[in-house]
Amino acid sequence: MAGRTLDLAEELGASEFVAPALARLSQGHAMRGETGDLDRALELGERALRLWVPGKRLADMAEHEHLLADQHYWTANYERALELSSASREQAVDPSSAEALLRGGGMEGMLLSAMGRYEEALASFDRVLALGREMGRPVRVLLNYSTLAFRDLFDLEEARRRSEESLSQAVGNPAFHMPRTPASAGASCGSP
């Protein structure tokens, strides 16, 4: 579908839609998981950013920056991922981009943790959690992300507390399994 959208945007000369279509194609490759898909996703994603028409479709751009940051995180390109997460958070200026604001901030915390910058990571998580709560948005995913830093710092009690809080917010959502995995692993190993 994204490939057809890209072809149509190019045929019509609708330059405003070329980059968002490339972004969707990038995201599709990132999710598919076949050999070479992640490299192709990164290539398409970076190309989309280069072609993005300034000032257009900013909510789409913020979402793309966040998802492209995921791809760079998966390939251990933490500096680029941090740039994209920060850009995603900064793009999120209208009410429709609240998810990009929160997810970009959560990803920043994960990246700072991966880079060993734990004080900054914890401050980032605290900021974005407070903002999410203030906005009345679900923060279960952010809580789950924040457990990474606490596990790295061997503060298993706080990691578990946050996992449990995250799970308590997922009542009625069986698809939200991210915090169950580490919580179950900890329980089966006898750790707190």
N, C-alpha and C. Protein backbone atom coordinates (compact mmCIF):
# COMPACT_ATOMS: atom_id res chain seq x y z
N MET A 1 0.82 -1.18 0.00
CA MET A 1 0.00 0.00 0.00
C MET A 1 0.88 1.26 0.00
N ALA A 2 1.91 1.30 0.86
CA ALA A 2 2.77 2.48 0.92
C ALA A 2 3.51 2.68 -0.40
N GLY A 3 3.91 1.58 -1.03
CA GLY A 3 4.58 1.67 -2.33
C GLY A 3 3.67 2.27 -3.38
N ARG A 4 2.40 1.86 -3.39
CA ARG A 4 1.43 2.42 -4.35
C ARG A 4 1.18 3.89 -4.06
N THR A 5 1.11 4.24 -2.78
CA THR A 5 0.92 5.64 -2.40
C THR A 5 2.10 6.48 -2.87
N LEU A 6 3.30 5.96 -2.70
CA LEU A 6 4.50 6.67 -3.16
C LEU A 6 4.46 6.86 -4.67
N ASP A 7 4.13 5.80 -5.41
CA ASP A 7 4.04 5.91 -6.87
C ASP A 7 3.03 6.96 -7.29
N LEU A 8 1.88 6.96 -6.65
CA LEU A 8 0.82 7.92 -6.98
C LEU A 8 1.26 9.35 -6.67
N ALA A 9 1.87 9.56 -5.51
CA ALA A 9 2.34 10.90 -5.14
C ALA A 9 3.36 11.41 -6.15
N GLU A 10 4.27 10.52 -6.58
CA GLU A 10 5.27 10.92 -7.56
C GLU A 10 4.64 11.20 -8.92
N GLU A 11 3.68 10.36 -9.35
CA GLU A 11 2.99 10.57 -10.63
C GLU A 11 2.26 11.91 -10.66
N LEU A 12 1.61 12.24 -9.55
CA LEU A 12 0.82 13.47 -9.48
C LEU A 12 1.67 14.70 -9.18
N GLY A 13 2.94 14.50 -8.88
CA GLY A 13 3.79 15.63 -8.51
C GLY A 13 3.40 16.23 -7.17
N ALA A 14 2.81 15.42 -6.32
CA ALA A 14 2.35 15.88 -5.00
C ALA A 14 3.50 15.74 -4.01
N SER A 15 4.45 16.66 -4.10
CA SER A 15 5.68 16.55 -3.31
C SER A 15 5.43 16.49 -1.81
N GLU A 16 4.36 17.10 -1.36
CA GLU A 16 4.04 17.08 0.07
C GLU A 16 3.80 15.66 0.59
N PHE A 17 3.38 14.75 -0.31
CA PHE A 17 3.03 13.40 0.10
C PHE A 17 4.12 12.36 -0.17
N VAL A 18 5.17 12.74 -0.90
CA VAL A 18 6.23 11.79 -1.22
C VAL A 18 6.95 11.34 0.04
N ALA A 19 7.40 12.27 0.85
CA ALA A 19 8.14 11.91 2.06
C ALA A 19 7.29 11.09 3.04
N PRO A 20 6.03 11.49 3.32
CA PRO A 20 5.23 10.64 4.21
C PRO A 20 5.02 9.23 3.66
N ALA A 21 4.89 9.10 2.32
CA ALA A 21 4.74 7.76 1.74
C ALA A 21 6.03 6.96 1.90
N LEU A 22 7.17 7.61 1.68
CA LEU A 22 8.46 6.94 1.91
C LEU A 22 8.59 6.52 3.38
N ALA A 23 8.13 7.38 4.27
CA ALA A 23 8.19 7.08 5.70
C ALA A 23 7.38 5.81 6.01
N ARG A 24 6.18 5.72 5.45
CA ARG A 24 5.35 4.53 5.68
C ARG A 24 6.00 3.28 5.10
N LEU A 25 6.61 3.42 3.93
CA LEU A 25 7.30 2.30 3.32
C LEU A 25 8.48 1.86 4.20
N SER A 26 9.18 2.83 4.75
CA SER A 26 10.28 2.54 5.67
C SER A 26 9.77 1.76 6.88
N GLN A 27 8.66 2.23 7.44
CA GLN A 27 8.11 1.59 8.63
C GLN A 27 7.63 0.17 8.32
N GLY A 28 7.09 -0.03 7.13
CA GLY A 28 6.67 -1.36 6.72
C GLY A 28 7.85 -2.33 6.65
N HIS A 29 8.95 -1.86 6.06
CA HIS A 29 10.15 -2.70 6.00
C HIS A 29 10.67 -3.01 7.41
N ALA A 30 10.63 -2.02 8.28
CA ALA A 30 11.13 -2.23 9.65
C ALA A 30 10.32 -3.30 10.38
N MET A 31 9.03 -3.37 10.09
CA MET A 31 8.17 -4.34 10.78
C MET A 31 8.18 -5.71 10.13
N ARG A 32 8.48 -5.78 8.83
CA ARG A 32 8.38 -7.05 8.12
C ARG A 32 9.42 -8.06 8.59
N GLY A 33 10.65 -7.63 8.73
CA GLY A 33 11.67 -8.49 9.32
C GLY A 33 12.36 -9.48 8.40
N GLU A 34 12.26 -9.31 7.10
CA GLU A 34 13.00 -10.20 6.20
C GLU A 34 14.44 -9.72 6.06
N THR A 35 15.29 -10.58 5.53
CA THR A 35 16.70 -10.23 5.34
C THR A 35 16.82 -8.93 4.56
N GLY A 36 17.59 -7.99 5.10
CA GLY A 36 17.82 -6.71 4.44
C GLY A 36 16.78 -5.65 4.71
N ASP A 37 15.66 -6.03 5.35
CA ASP A 37 14.58 -5.06 5.57
C ASP A 37 14.98 -3.90 6.47
N LEU A 38 15.73 -4.18 7.51
CA LEU A 38 16.09 -3.10 8.42
C LEU A 38 17.02 -2.09 7.74
N ASP A 39 17.97 -2.58 6.96
CA ASP A 39 18.83 -1.66 6.21
C ASP A 39 18.01 -0.83 5.23
N ARG A 40 17.07 -1.48 4.54
CA ARG A 40 16.21 -0.77 3.59
C ARG A 40 15.33 0.24 4.33
N ALA A 41 14.82 -0.14 5.48
CA ALA A 41 13.99 0.77 6.27
C ALA A 41 14.78 2.02 6.66
N LEU A 42 16.01 1.83 7.09
CA LEU A 42 16.85 2.98 7.46
C LEU A 42 17.11 3.88 6.26
N GLU A 43 17.42 3.27 5.13
CA GLU A 43 17.69 4.03 3.90
C GLU A 43 16.47 4.85 3.49
N LEU A 44 15.31 4.20 3.44
CA LEU A 44 14.08 4.89 3.05
C LEU A 44 13.70 5.95 4.07
N GLY A 45 13.86 5.63 5.35
CA GLY A 45 13.50 6.58 6.40
C GLY A 45 14.33 7.84 6.36
N GLU A 46 15.63 7.69 6.17
CA GLU A 46 16.50 8.87 6.09
C GLU A 46 16.21 9.67 4.81
N ARG A 47 15.92 8.96 3.72
CA ARG A 47 15.56 9.65 2.47
C ARG A 47 14.28 10.46 2.66
N ALA A 48 13.31 9.88 3.37
CA ALA A 48 12.05 10.59 3.63
C ALA A 48 12.32 11.91 4.35
N LEU A 49 13.20 11.88 5.34
CA LEU A 49 13.51 13.12 6.07
C LEU A 49 14.16 14.16 5.17
N ARG A 50 15.04 13.72 4.28
CA ARG A 50 15.70 14.66 3.36
C ARG A 50 14.70 15.31 2.40
N LEU A 51 13.65 14.56 2.03
CA LEU A 51 12.67 15.05 1.05
C LEU A 51 11.47 15.76 1.68
N TRP A 52 11.37 15.74 3.00
CA TRP A 52 10.18 16.28 3.67
C TRP A 52 10.03 17.76 3.33
N VAL A 53 8.83 18.14 2.91
CA VAL A 53 8.55 19.54 2.60
C VAL A 53 8.46 20.31 3.91
N PRO A 54 9.32 21.32 4.11
CA PRO A 54 9.33 22.07 5.37
C PRO A 54 7.95 22.62 5.74
N GLY A 55 7.59 22.41 6.99
CA GLY A 55 6.34 22.94 7.51
C GLY A 55 5.10 22.13 7.17
N LYS A 56 5.24 21.03 6.46
CA LYS A 56 4.09 20.24 6.03
C LYS A 56 4.02 18.92 6.79
N ARG A 57 2.80 18.54 7.14
CA ARG A 57 2.51 17.24 7.75
C ARG A 57 3.43 16.96 8.95
N LEU A 58 3.46 17.95 9.85
CA LEU A 58 4.39 17.88 10.98
C LEU A 58 4.07 16.74 11.95
N ALA A 59 2.79 16.44 12.14
CA ALA A 59 2.45 15.32 13.02
C ALA A 59 2.96 14.00 12.42
N ASP A 60 2.84 13.86 11.09
CA ASP A 60 3.39 12.67 10.43
C ASP A 60 4.90 12.63 10.56
N MET A 61 5.52 13.79 10.45
CA MET A 61 6.99 13.84 10.55
C MET A 61 7.44 13.44 11.96
N ALA A 62 6.73 13.94 12.97
CA ALA A 62 7.09 13.59 14.35
C ALA A 62 6.96 12.09 14.57
N GLU A 63 5.89 11.50 14.05
CA GLU A 63 5.72 10.05 14.19
C GLU A 63 6.84 9.31 13.46
N HIS A 64 7.18 9.77 12.26
CA HIS A 64 8.24 9.12 11.50
C HIS A 64 9.58 9.23 12.23
N GLU A 65 9.87 10.40 12.76
CA GLU A 65 11.14 10.57 13.48
C GLU A 65 11.21 9.60 14.66
N HIS A 66 10.10 9.44 15.35
CA HIS A 66 10.07 8.50 16.47
C HIS A 66 10.32 7.06 15.99
N LEU A 67 9.61 6.65 14.95
CA LEU A 67 9.76 5.28 14.47
C LEU A 67 11.12 5.03 13.84
N LEU A 68 11.68 6.03 13.17
CA LEU A 68 13.03 5.89 12.62
C LEU A 68 14.05 5.83 13.75
N ALA A 69 13.78 6.53 14.84
CA ALA A 69 14.65 6.43 16.02
C ALA A 69 14.67 4.99 16.53
N ASP A 70 13.52 4.33 16.52
CA ASP A 70 13.47 2.91 16.91
C ASP A 70 14.44 2.09 16.06
N GLN A 71 14.40 2.32 14.77
CA GLN A 71 15.26 1.56 13.86
C GLN A 71 16.74 1.79 14.17
N HIS A 72 17.09 3.03 14.44
CA HIS A 72 18.49 3.32 14.80
C HIS A 72 18.84 2.72 16.16
N TYR A 73 17.89 2.70 17.08
CA TYR A 73 18.11 2.08 18.39
C TYR A 73 18.41 0.59 18.21
N TRP A 74 17.63 -0.07 17.36
CA TRP A 74 17.81 -1.51 17.13
C TRP A 74 19.17 -1.82 16.54
N THR A 75 19.76 -0.86 15.82
CA THR A 75 21.07 -1.09 15.19
C THR A 75 22.19 -0.44 16.00
N ALA A 76 21.90 -0.06 17.23
CA ALA A 76 22.87 0.51 18.17
C ALA A 76 23.47 1.83 17.69
N ASN A 77 22.76 2.55 16.85
CA ASN A 77 23.18 3.89 16.44
C ASN A 77 22.47 4.88 17.37
N TYR A 78 22.91 4.89 18.62
CA TYR A 78 22.21 5.62 19.67
C TYR A 78 22.24 7.13 19.48
N GLU A 79 23.35 7.66 19.00
CA GLU A 79 23.43 9.12 18.80
C GLU A 79 22.38 9.59 17.80
N ARG A 80 22.27 8.90 16.66
CA ARG A 80 21.28 9.29 15.65
C ARG A 80 19.87 9.08 16.19
N ALA A 81 19.67 8.00 16.89
CA ALA A 81 18.35 7.74 17.47
C ALA A 81 17.98 8.83 18.46
N LEU A 82 18.94 9.30 19.25
CA LEU A 82 18.67 10.37 20.20
C LEU A 82 18.32 11.67 19.48
N GLU A 83 19.04 11.97 18.40
CA GLU A 83 18.71 13.16 17.59
C GLU A 83 17.27 13.09 17.09
N LEU A 84 16.89 11.94 16.57
CA LEU A 84 15.54 11.77 16.02
C LEU A 84 14.47 11.82 17.11
N SER A 85 14.74 11.22 18.26
CA SER A 85 13.78 11.26 19.36
C SER A 85 13.57 12.68 19.85
N SER A 86 14.66 13.42 19.96
CA SER A 86 14.56 14.82 20.39
C SER A 86 13.78 15.62 19.35
N ALA A 87 14.06 15.39 18.08
CA ALA A 87 13.34 16.09 17.02
C ALA A 87 11.86 15.74 17.04
N SER A 88 11.54 14.48 17.28
CA SER A 88 10.15 14.05 17.36
C SER A 88 9.43 14.77 18.49
N ARG A 89 10.07 14.81 19.64
CA ARG A 89 9.47 15.49 20.80
C ARG A 89 9.29 16.97 20.52
N GLU A 90 10.27 17.60 19.89
CA GLU A 90 10.19 19.03 19.60
C GLU A 90 9.15 19.35 18.53
N GLN A 91 8.91 18.42 17.59
CA GLN A 91 7.89 18.61 16.55
C GLN A 91 6.49 18.56 17.13
N ALA A 92 6.33 17.87 18.23
CA ALA A 92 5.01 17.59 18.78
C ALA A 92 4.45 18.83 19.47
N VAL A 93 3.90 19.72 18.66
CA VAL A 93 3.42 20.98 19.20
C VAL A 93 1.90 21.12 19.17
N ASP A 94 1.21 20.27 18.43
CA ASP A 94 -0.24 20.38 18.40
C ASP A 94 -0.86 19.19 19.13
N PRO A 95 -2.14 19.33 19.53
CA PRO A 95 -2.77 18.28 20.33
C PRO A 95 -2.77 16.91 19.67
N SER A 96 -2.76 16.86 18.34
CA SER A 96 -2.80 15.55 17.67
C SER A 96 -1.46 14.82 17.75
N SER A 97 -0.42 15.48 18.21
CA SER A 97 0.89 14.83 18.26
C SER A 97 1.32 14.51 19.69
N ALA A 98 0.37 14.36 20.59
CA ALA A 98 0.70 14.04 21.99
C ALA A 98 1.46 12.72 22.10
N GLU A 99 1.09 11.74 21.27
CA GLU A 99 1.78 10.45 21.32
C GLU A 99 3.25 10.60 20.95
N ALA A 100 3.53 11.40 19.92
CA ALA A 100 4.93 11.61 19.52
C ALA A 100 5.70 12.31 20.63
N LEU A 101 5.06 13.24 21.29
CA LEU A 101 5.69 13.96 22.39
C LEU A 101 6.08 12.99 23.50
N LEU A 102 5.15 12.14 23.88
CA LEU A 102 5.40 11.20 24.97
C LEU A 102 6.34 10.07 24.55
N ARG A 103 6.10 9.49 23.38
CA ARG A 103 6.96 8.39 22.94
C ARG A 103 8.37 8.88 22.65
N GLY A 104 8.50 10.08 22.06
CA GLY A 104 9.83 10.65 21.81
C GLY A 104 10.58 10.84 23.11
N GLY A 105 9.89 11.34 24.13
CA GLY A 105 10.52 11.52 25.44
C GLY A 105 10.88 10.19 26.08
N GLY A 106 10.02 9.19 25.94
CA GLY A 106 10.31 7.86 26.48
C GLY A 106 11.50 7.22 25.79
N MET A 107 11.56 7.38 24.48
CA MET A 107 12.69 6.83 23.72
C MET A 107 13.98 7.53 24.12
N GLU A 108 13.91 8.83 24.37
CA GLU A 108 15.11 9.55 24.82
C GLU A 108 15.65 8.92 26.10
N GLY A 109 14.77 8.61 27.03
CA GLY A 109 15.20 7.97 28.27
C GLY A 109 15.86 6.62 28.02
N MET A 110 15.27 5.83 27.13
CA MET A 110 15.87 4.52 26.80
C MET A 110 17.24 4.69 26.17
N LEU A 111 17.36 5.65 25.28
CA LEU A 111 18.64 5.87 24.59
C LEU A 111 19.70 6.35 25.56
N LEU A 112 19.33 7.28 26.43
CA LEU A 112 20.29 7.77 27.42
C LEU A 112 20.74 6.62 28.32
N SER A 113 19.82 5.72 28.65
CA SER A 113 20.19 4.53 29.43
C SER A 113 21.17 3.67 28.66
N ALA A 114 20.87 3.43 27.39
CA ALA A 114 21.74 2.59 26.56
C ALA A 114 23.14 3.19 26.43
N MET A 115 23.22 4.51 26.54
CA MET A 115 24.50 5.21 26.42
C MET A 115 25.19 5.36 27.78
N GLY A 116 24.56 4.80 28.85
CA GLY A 116 25.16 4.88 30.18
C GLY A 116 24.96 6.21 30.86
N ARG A 117 24.07 7.04 30.35
CA ARG A 117 23.82 8.38 30.91
C ARG A 117 22.56 8.31 31.79
N TYR A 118 22.71 7.58 32.91
CA TYR A 118 21.55 7.22 33.72
C TYR A 118 20.88 8.39 34.41
N GLU A 119 21.64 9.35 34.93
CA GLU A 119 21.01 10.49 35.59
C GLU A 119 20.11 11.23 34.62
N GLU A 120 20.61 11.46 33.41
CA GLU A 120 19.81 12.13 32.39
C GLU A 120 18.61 11.27 32.00
N ALA A 121 18.82 9.97 31.91
CA ALA A 121 17.73 9.06 31.54
C ALA A 121 16.61 9.11 32.57
N LEU A 122 16.97 9.02 33.84
CA LEU A 122 15.94 9.03 34.89
C LEU A 122 15.20 10.36 34.91
N ALA A 123 15.93 11.46 34.72
CA ALA A 123 15.28 12.78 34.67
C ALA A 123 14.34 12.86 33.47
N SER A 124 14.76 12.31 32.34
CA SER A 124 13.91 12.31 31.14
C SER A 124 12.64 11.51 31.38
N PHE A 125 12.79 10.32 31.95
CA PHE A 125 11.62 9.50 32.25
C PHE A 125 10.68 10.22 33.21
N ASP A 126 11.23 10.81 34.26
CA ASP A 126 10.38 11.51 35.23
C ASP A 126 9.62 12.66 34.58
N ARG A 127 10.31 13.41 33.70
CA ARG A 127 9.65 14.53 33.00
C ARG A 127 8.50 14.05 32.13
N VAL A 128 8.77 13.04 31.33
CA VAL A 128 7.76 12.59 30.38
C VAL A 128 6.60 11.88 31.10
N LEU A 129 6.89 11.16 32.18
CA LEU A 129 5.82 10.55 32.97
C LEU A 129 4.92 11.62 33.59
N ALA A 130 5.53 12.66 34.15
CA ALA A 130 4.75 13.75 34.74
C ALA A 130 3.89 14.43 33.67
N LEU A 131 4.47 14.66 32.52
CA LEU A 131 3.73 15.29 31.43
C LEU A 131 2.57 14.41 30.97
N GLY A 132 2.82 13.13 30.80
CA GLY A 132 1.76 12.22 30.39
C GLY A 132 0.61 12.20 31.39
N ARG A 133 0.94 12.17 32.65
CA ARG A 133 -0.11 12.18 33.68
C ARG A 133 -0.87 13.50 33.67
N GLU A 134 -0.13 14.60 33.51
CA GLU A 134 -0.76 15.93 33.45
C GLU A 134 -1.71 16.02 32.26
N MET A 135 -1.35 15.40 31.15
CA MET A 135 -2.19 15.41 29.95
C MET A 135 -3.33 14.41 30.03
N GLY A 136 -3.32 13.57 31.06
CA GLY A 136 -4.35 12.55 31.19
C GLY A 136 -4.18 11.39 30.22
N ARG A 137 -2.95 11.19 29.75
CA ARG A 137 -2.65 10.13 28.79
C ARG A 137 -2.19 8.87 29.53
N PRO A 138 -2.39 7.70 28.93
CA PRO A 138 -1.86 6.48 29.53
C PRO A 138 -0.33 6.54 29.56
N VAL A 139 0.25 6.14 30.65
CA VAL A 139 1.72 6.17 30.78
C VAL A 139 2.31 4.78 30.97
N ARG A 140 1.52 3.75 30.73
CA ARG A 140 1.99 2.38 30.99
C ARG A 140 3.22 2.02 30.16
N VAL A 141 3.27 2.44 28.90
CA VAL A 141 4.43 2.13 28.06
C VAL A 141 5.66 2.88 28.57
N LEU A 142 5.47 4.14 28.94
CA LEU A 142 6.58 4.94 29.47
C LEU A 142 7.11 4.33 30.77
N LEU A 143 6.21 3.89 31.62
CA LEU A 143 6.64 3.22 32.85
C LEU A 143 7.46 1.98 32.52
N ASN A 144 6.98 1.23 31.55
CA ASN A 144 7.70 0.02 31.15
C ASN A 144 9.09 0.37 30.61
N TYR A 145 9.17 1.38 29.73
CA TYR A 145 10.48 1.80 29.21
C TYR A 145 11.42 2.18 30.35
N SER A 146 10.88 2.87 31.35
CA SER A 146 11.73 3.38 32.44
C SER A 146 12.35 2.26 33.27
N THR A 147 11.76 1.07 33.23
CA THR A 147 12.32 -0.03 34.01
C THR A 147 13.70 -0.43 33.50
N LEU A 148 13.99 -0.15 32.24
CA LEU A 148 15.29 -0.47 31.67
C LEU A 148 16.42 0.14 32.49
N ALA A 149 16.30 1.44 32.77
CA ALA A 149 17.35 2.12 33.53
C ALA A 149 17.49 1.53 34.93
N PHE A 150 16.36 1.25 35.57
CA PHE A 150 16.43 0.72 36.93
C PHE A 150 17.01 -0.70 36.96
N ARG A 151 16.70 -1.50 35.95
CA ARG A 151 17.32 -2.84 35.89
C ARG A 151 18.82 -2.72 35.65
N ASP A 152 19.22 -1.81 34.77
CA ASP A 152 20.65 -1.61 34.52
C ASP A 152 21.39 -1.18 35.78
N LEU A 153 20.71 -0.40 36.62
CA LEU A 153 21.32 0.10 37.85
C LEU A 153 21.11 -0.86 39.02
N PHE A 154 20.56 -2.03 38.74
CA PHE A 154 20.31 -3.07 39.74
C PHE A 154 19.34 -2.62 40.83
N ASP A 155 18.48 -1.64 40.50
CA ASP A 155 17.41 -1.25 41.42
C ASP A 155 16.17 -2.05 41.01
N LEU A 156 16.23 -3.35 41.32
CA LEU A 156 15.18 -4.25 40.88
C LEU A 156 13.85 -3.98 41.57
N GLU A 157 13.92 -3.46 42.79
CA GLU A 157 12.68 -3.14 43.51
C GLU A 157 11.90 -2.04 42.77
N GLU A 158 12.59 -0.97 42.36
CA GLU A 158 11.91 0.11 41.64
C GLU A 158 11.48 -0.36 40.25
N ALA A 159 12.30 -1.17 39.60
CA ALA A 159 11.93 -1.71 38.28
C ALA A 159 10.65 -2.53 38.40
N ARG A 160 10.59 -3.36 39.42
CA ARG A 160 9.40 -4.20 39.62
C ARG A 160 8.18 -3.33 39.96
N ARG A 161 8.36 -2.32 40.81
CA ARG A 161 7.25 -1.44 41.17
C ARG A 161 6.67 -0.78 39.92
N ARG A 162 7.56 -0.30 39.05
CA ARG A 162 7.10 0.35 37.82
C ARG A 162 6.45 -0.66 36.87
N SER A 163 6.98 -1.86 36.81
CA SER A 163 6.35 -2.90 35.98
C SER A 163 4.95 -3.20 36.48
N GLU A 164 4.80 -3.31 37.80
CA GLU A 164 3.49 -3.60 38.37
C GLU A 164 2.52 -2.45 38.13
N GLU A 165 3.00 -1.21 38.27
CA GLU A 165 2.14 -0.06 38.00
C GLU A 165 1.73 -0.05 36.52
N SER A 166 2.67 -0.35 35.66
CA SER A 166 2.40 -0.41 34.23
C SER A 166 1.33 -1.46 33.93
N LEU A 167 1.50 -2.63 34.52
CA LEU A 167 0.52 -3.71 34.31
C LEU A 167 -0.85 -3.34 34.86
N SER A 168 -0.88 -2.63 35.98
CA SER A 168 -2.17 -2.25 36.56
C SER A 168 -2.94 -1.30 35.65
N GLN A 169 -2.22 -0.57 34.81
CA GLN A 169 -2.88 0.35 33.87
C GLN A 169 -3.30 -0.35 32.59
N ALA A 170 -2.88 -1.58 32.42
CA ALA A 170 -3.19 -2.32 31.20
C ALA A 170 -4.37 -3.26 31.38
N VAL A 171 -5.13 -3.09 32.46
CA VAL A 171 -6.27 -3.95 32.72
C VAL A 171 -7.21 -3.90 31.52
N GLY A 172 -7.60 -5.07 31.06
CA GLY A 172 -8.50 -5.15 29.90
C GLY A 172 -7.77 -5.04 28.57
N ASN A 173 -6.44 -4.99 28.60
CA ASN A 173 -5.67 -4.90 27.36
C ASN A 173 -4.70 -6.08 27.30
N PRO A 174 -5.17 -7.24 26.85
CA PRO A 174 -4.30 -8.41 26.84
C PRO A 174 -3.14 -8.29 25.86
N ALA A 175 -3.22 -7.36 24.92
CA ALA A 175 -2.13 -7.20 23.95
C ALA A 175 -0.92 -6.50 24.56
N PHE A 176 -1.11 -5.83 25.69
CA PHE A 176 0.00 -5.09 26.30
C PHE A 176 0.78 -6.04 27.19
N HIS A 177 1.76 -6.70 26.61
CA HIS A 177 2.50 -7.74 27.32
C HIS A 177 3.94 -7.35 27.64
N MET A 178 4.40 -6.19 27.20
CA MET A 178 5.81 -5.84 27.40
C MET A 178 6.26 -5.96 28.85
N PRO A 179 5.57 -5.37 29.83
CA PRO A 179 6.09 -5.48 31.19
C PRO A 179 5.90 -6.85 31.82
N ARG A 180 5.03 -7.67 31.25
CA ARG A 180 4.83 -9.01 31.81
C ARG A 180 6.08 -9.87 31.66
N THR A 181 6.79 -9.70 30.57
CA THR A 181 7.96 -10.55 30.31
C THR A 181 9.03 -10.39 31.37
N PRO A 182 9.54 -9.15 31.62
CA PRO A 182 10.56 -9.05 32.67
C PRO A 182 10.00 -9.35 34.06
N ALA A 183 8.74 -8.99 34.30
CA ALA A 183 8.15 -9.26 35.61
C ALA A 183 8.06 -10.77 35.83
N SER A 184 7.64 -11.49 34.80
CA SER A 184 7.55 -12.95 34.91
C SER A 184 8.92 -13.58 35.06
N ALA A 185 9.89 -13.07 34.32
CA ALA A 185 11.25 -13.60 34.42
C ALA A 185 11.80 -13.39 35.82
N GLY A 186 11.54 -12.22 36.38
CA GLY A 186 12.01 -11.94 37.74
C GLY A 186 11.36 -12.85 38.75
N ALA A 187 10.06 -13.07 38.59
CA ALA A 187 9.34 -13.93 39.53
C ALA A 187 9.83 -15.37 39.41
N SER A 188 10.07 -15.83 38.20
CA SER A 188 10.49 -17.22 38.03
C SER A 188 11.91 -17.46 38.53
N CYS A 189 12.71 -16.40 38.57
CA CYS A 189 14.09 -16.53 39.07
C CYS A 189 14.18 -16.22 40.55
N GLY A 190 13.06 -15.83 41.15
CA GLY A 190 13.05 -15.54 42.57
C GLY A 190 13.56 -14.15 42.92
N SER A 191 13.72 -13.28 41.93
CA SER A 191 14.18 -11.92 42.24
C SER A 191 12.99 -11.04 42.55
N PRO A 192 13.24 -9.90 43.23
CA PRO A 192 12.13 -9.03 43.64
C PRO A 192 11.42 -8.42 42.47
